[in-house]
């Protein structure tokens, strides 16, 4: 070992001198009695019961209002379900009606055969029943394009006869069931683009 290297003598800290030490209370020292300085508020049992009753009444009123809101929402949902319950069958019947319309399109207008008369009678009867249930046709031809009720299949350049944004032709008819779109009308729209 080299003689030049001596361990450095640093003063060791006295553990008892730190602020973290636990104070020692000796006899005869004045101490602070916290029980004397803190006032405990004692409530009258009647007042305490009244406060609890008032809190319970508020909570009951809140829960009652919440129950009423849930009832109203459920009744509205039930009414809507009943109102639009025939929507599924109407949609399926419209596909059959479309098939009948396509069959009639392939016949001559003045065809008076039994098949043609039967198809016309079937078409009229189906449309009468559907419209009685709340189905209406969407009038799209020469109207402004409405994306909520119509589906643009293709566009053509706008002209004086067909201004931009208007429906030029209806490829497939669209239908509403009461206030909802049952089948969107498939249309050709005039556009500047």
Protein backbone atom coordinates (compact mmCIF):
# COMPACT_ATOMS: atom_id res chain seq x y z
CA UNK A 1 0.00 0.00 0.00
CA UNK A 2 1.23 3.39 -0.85
CA UNK A 3 1.98 5.76 1.94
CA UNK A 4 0.48 8.72 0.07
CA UNK A 5 -2.96 7.21 0.07
CA UNK A 6 -4.58 7.61 3.38
CA UNK A 7 -8.22 7.17 3.91
CA UNK A 8 -9.94 10.51 3.94
CA UNK A 9 -11.24 11.50 7.27
CA UNK A 10 -14.65 13.00 6.80
CA UNK A 11 -16.72 13.89 9.78
CA UNK A 12 -19.53 11.43 10.21
CA UNK A 13 -22.95 12.90 10.64
CA UNK A 14 -24.58 12.33 13.93
CA UNK A 15 -27.79 10.50 13.22
CA UNK A 16 -29.48 12.10 16.18
CA UNK A 17 -28.83 15.63 14.85
CA UNK A 18 -31.11 15.31 11.78
CA UNK A 19 -34.58 16.83 11.58
CA UNK A 20 -36.15 13.43 10.98
CA UNK A 21 -35.45 12.23 14.47
CA UNK A 22 -38.25 11.51 16.89
CA UNK A 23 -38.44 14.15 19.60
CA UNK A 24 -38.00 12.95 23.10
CA UNK A 25 -40.49 14.28 25.57
CA UNK A 26 -39.14 14.57 29.01
CA UNK A 27 -41.09 14.90 32.18
CA UNK A 28 -42.14 18.39 33.02
CA UNK A 29 -42.15 19.64 29.39
CA UNK A 30 -45.20 21.52 28.16
CA UNK A 31 -47.04 19.62 25.41
CA UNK A 32 -49.92 20.69 23.19
CA UNK A 33 -53.08 18.78 23.93
CA UNK A 34 -55.02 18.60 20.63
CA UNK A 35 -58.16 17.38 22.35
CA UNK A 36 -58.48 20.75 24.11
CA UNK A 37 -58.17 22.80 20.91
CA UNK A 38 -60.52 20.80 18.65
CA UNK A 39 -64.16 21.40 19.24
CA UNK A 40 -66.39 18.46 18.47
CA UNK A 41 -69.74 19.58 17.15
CA UNK A 42 -72.38 17.42 18.66
CA UNK A 43 -75.61 17.35 16.63
CA UNK A 44 -78.93 16.97 18.19
CA UNK A 45 -80.24 13.49 17.30
CA UNK A 46 -83.43 15.04 15.96
CA UNK A 47 -81.51 17.40 13.65
CA UNK A 48 -79.32 14.54 12.48
CA UNK A 49 -82.40 12.43 11.69
CA UNK A 50 -84.00 15.34 9.83
CA UNK A 51 -80.85 15.85 7.71
CA UNK A 52 -80.74 12.16 6.84
CA UNK A 53 -84.44 12.20 5.98
CA UNK A 54 -84.00 15.26 3.74
CA UNK A 55 -81.08 13.60 1.95
CA UNK A 56 -83.10 10.41 1.49
CA UNK A 57 -86.05 12.38 0.08
CA UNK A 58 -83.80 14.08 -2.48
CA UNK A 59 -82.33 10.74 -3.49
CA UNK A 60 -85.80 9.20 -3.83
CA UNK A 61 -86.98 12.14 -5.97
CA UNK A 62 -83.92 11.77 -8.21
CA UNK A 63 -84.48 8.02 -8.63
CA UNK A 64 -88.20 8.58 -9.32
CA UNK A 65 -87.39 11.11 -12.06
CA UNK A 66 -84.87 8.67 -13.53
CA UNK A 67 -87.50 5.90 -13.57
CA UNK A 68 -90.01 8.20 -15.29
CA UNK A 69 -87.44 9.10 -17.97
CA UNK A 70 -86.68 5.44 -18.62
CA UNK A 71 -90.42 4.67 -18.90
CA UNK A 72 -90.94 7.51 -21.39
CA UNK A 73 -87.97 6.39 -23.49
CA UNK A 74 -89.14 2.77 -23.51
CA UNK A 75 -92.69 3.79 -24.45
CA UNK A 76 -91.36 5.91 -27.33
CA UNK A 77 -89.18 3.03 -28.55
CA UNK A 78 -92.12 0.63 -28.30
CA UNK A 79 -94.39 3.01 -30.25
CA UNK A 80 -91.74 3.36 -32.95
CA UNK A 81 -91.30 -0.41 -33.18
CA UNK A 82 -95.06 -0.85 -33.56
CA UNK A 83 -95.27 1.96 -36.12
CA UNK A 84 -92.51 0.51 -38.30
CA UNK A 85 -93.18 -3.18 -37.67
CA UNK A 86 -94.40 -3.80 -41.24
CA UNK A 87 -91.27 -2.35 -42.81
CA UNK A 88 -89.58 -5.72 -43.39
CA UNK A 89 -92.53 -7.35 -45.14
CA UNK A 90 -93.11 -4.19 -47.20
CA UNK A 91 -89.48 -4.30 -48.39
CA UNK A 92 -89.84 -7.94 -49.46
CA UNK A 93 -93.15 -7.26 -51.20
CA UNK A 94 -91.60 -4.37 -53.13
CA UNK A 95 -89.09 -6.76 -54.70
CA UNK A 96 -92.02 -8.86 -55.94
CA UNK A 97 -93.74 -5.69 -57.17
CA UNK A 98 -90.54 -4.78 -59.06
CA UNK A 99 -90.57 -8.20 -60.73
CA UNK A 100 -94.21 -7.69 -61.78
CA UNK A 101 -93.34 -4.22 -63.13
CA UNK A 102 -90.48 -5.66 -65.20
CA UNK A 103 -92.82 -8.34 -66.59
CA UNK A 104 -95.36 -5.65 -67.51
CA UNK A 105 -92.60 -3.58 -69.20
CA UNK A 106 -91.99 -6.50 -71.56
CA UNK A 107 -95.65 -6.59 -72.61
CA UNK A 108 -97.30 -4.30 -75.13
CA UNK A 109 -99.49 -1.55 -73.65
CA UNK A 110 -102.56 -2.77 -75.57
CA UNK A 111 -101.97 -6.48 -74.81
CA UNK A 112 -105.32 -7.78 -73.53
CA UNK A 113 -104.36 -11.40 -73.00
CA UNK A 114 -105.31 -13.13 -69.78
CA UNK A 115 -101.67 -13.11 -68.61
CA UNK A 116 -101.31 -9.35 -69.18
CA UNK A 117 -104.62 -8.62 -67.44
CA UNK A 118 -103.63 -10.87 -64.55
CA UNK A 119 -100.27 -9.12 -64.14
CA UNK A 120 -101.94 -5.67 -64.21
CA UNK A 121 -104.52 -6.80 -61.65
CA UNK A 122 -101.79 -8.30 -59.45
CA UNK A 123 -99.70 -5.13 -59.67
CA UNK A 124 -102.66 -2.86 -58.82
CA UNK A 125 -103.74 -5.07 -55.89
CA UNK A 126 -100.19 -5.26 -54.47
CA UNK A 127 -99.69 -1.51 -54.76
CA UNK A 128 -103.08 -0.83 -53.14
CA UNK A 129 -102.18 -3.03 -50.14
CA UNK A 130 -98.69 -1.56 -49.78
CA UNK A 131 -99.93 2.03 -49.98
CA UNK A 132 -102.65 1.25 -47.41
CA UNK A 133 -99.85 0.18 -45.04
CA UNK A 134 -97.94 3.47 -45.55
CA UNK A 135 -95.70 2.81 -48.57
CA UNK A 136 -95.28 5.74 -50.98
CA UNK A 137 -93.20 6.08 -54.13
CA UNK A 138 -90.32 8.56 -54.11
CA UNK A 139 -90.88 11.13 -56.87
CA UNK A 140 -87.37 11.60 -58.22
CA UNK A 141 -87.55 12.43 -61.94
CA UNK A 142 -86.71 16.10 -62.67
CA UNK A 143 -86.25 16.74 -58.93
CA UNK A 144 -83.16 18.00 -57.12
CA UNK A 145 -80.93 15.09 -56.09
CA UNK A 146 -81.53 14.15 -52.44
CA UNK A 147 -78.85 11.77 -51.12
CA UNK A 148 -81.10 10.78 -48.20
CA UNK A 149 -83.68 9.29 -50.59
CA UNK A 150 -81.73 8.64 -53.78
CA UNK A 151 -78.65 6.77 -54.91
CA UNK A 152 -76.74 8.23 -57.86
CA UNK A 153 -75.75 5.34 -60.11
CA UNK A 154 -74.14 7.53 -62.76
CA UNK A 155 -73.85 11.16 -63.85
CA UNK A 156 -74.14 12.94 -67.17
CA UNK A 157 -72.91 16.42 -68.13
CA UNK A 158 -75.31 19.20 -67.17
CA UNK A 159 -77.15 21.10 -69.89
CA UNK A 160 -79.94 23.66 -70.21
CA UNK A 161 -82.51 20.87 -70.25
CA UNK A 162 -80.90 19.16 -67.24
CA UNK A 163 -79.37 21.62 -64.75
CA UNK A 164 -76.60 20.45 -62.45
CA UNK A 165 -77.82 18.52 -59.41
CA UNK A 166 -81.13 17.45 -60.94
CA UNK A 167 -82.25 13.88 -61.56
CA UNK A 168 -82.28 13.09 -65.28
CA UNK A 169 -83.64 9.53 -65.18
CA UNK A 170 -84.85 6.97 -62.64
CA UNK A 171 -83.31 3.53 -63.15
CA UNK A 172 -85.12 1.88 -60.22
CA UNK A 173 -88.01 3.37 -58.29
CA UNK A 174 -87.54 4.24 -54.63
CA UNK A 175 -90.07 3.90 -51.84
CA UNK A 176 -90.75 5.38 -48.41
CA UNK A 177 -92.40 3.55 -45.52
CA UNK A 178 -94.17 6.27 -43.58
CA UNK A 179 -91.28 8.65 -42.74
CA UNK A 180 -88.39 6.28 -43.46
CA UNK A 181 -86.67 5.36 -46.70
CA UNK A 182 -87.55 1.79 -47.57
CA UNK A 183 -85.66 1.53 -50.86
CA UNK A 184 -83.57 4.39 -52.24
CA UNK A 185 -84.35 5.46 -55.79
CA UNK A 186 -81.49 4.64 -58.17
CA UNK A 187 -81.04 7.62 -60.45
CA UNK A 188 -78.94 9.34 -63.10
CA UNK A 189 -77.89 12.85 -62.06
CA UNK A 190 -76.74 15.83 -64.13
CA UNK A 191 -73.40 17.14 -62.90
CA UNK A 192 -70.82 19.82 -63.84
CA UNK A 193 -67.93 17.49 -63.01
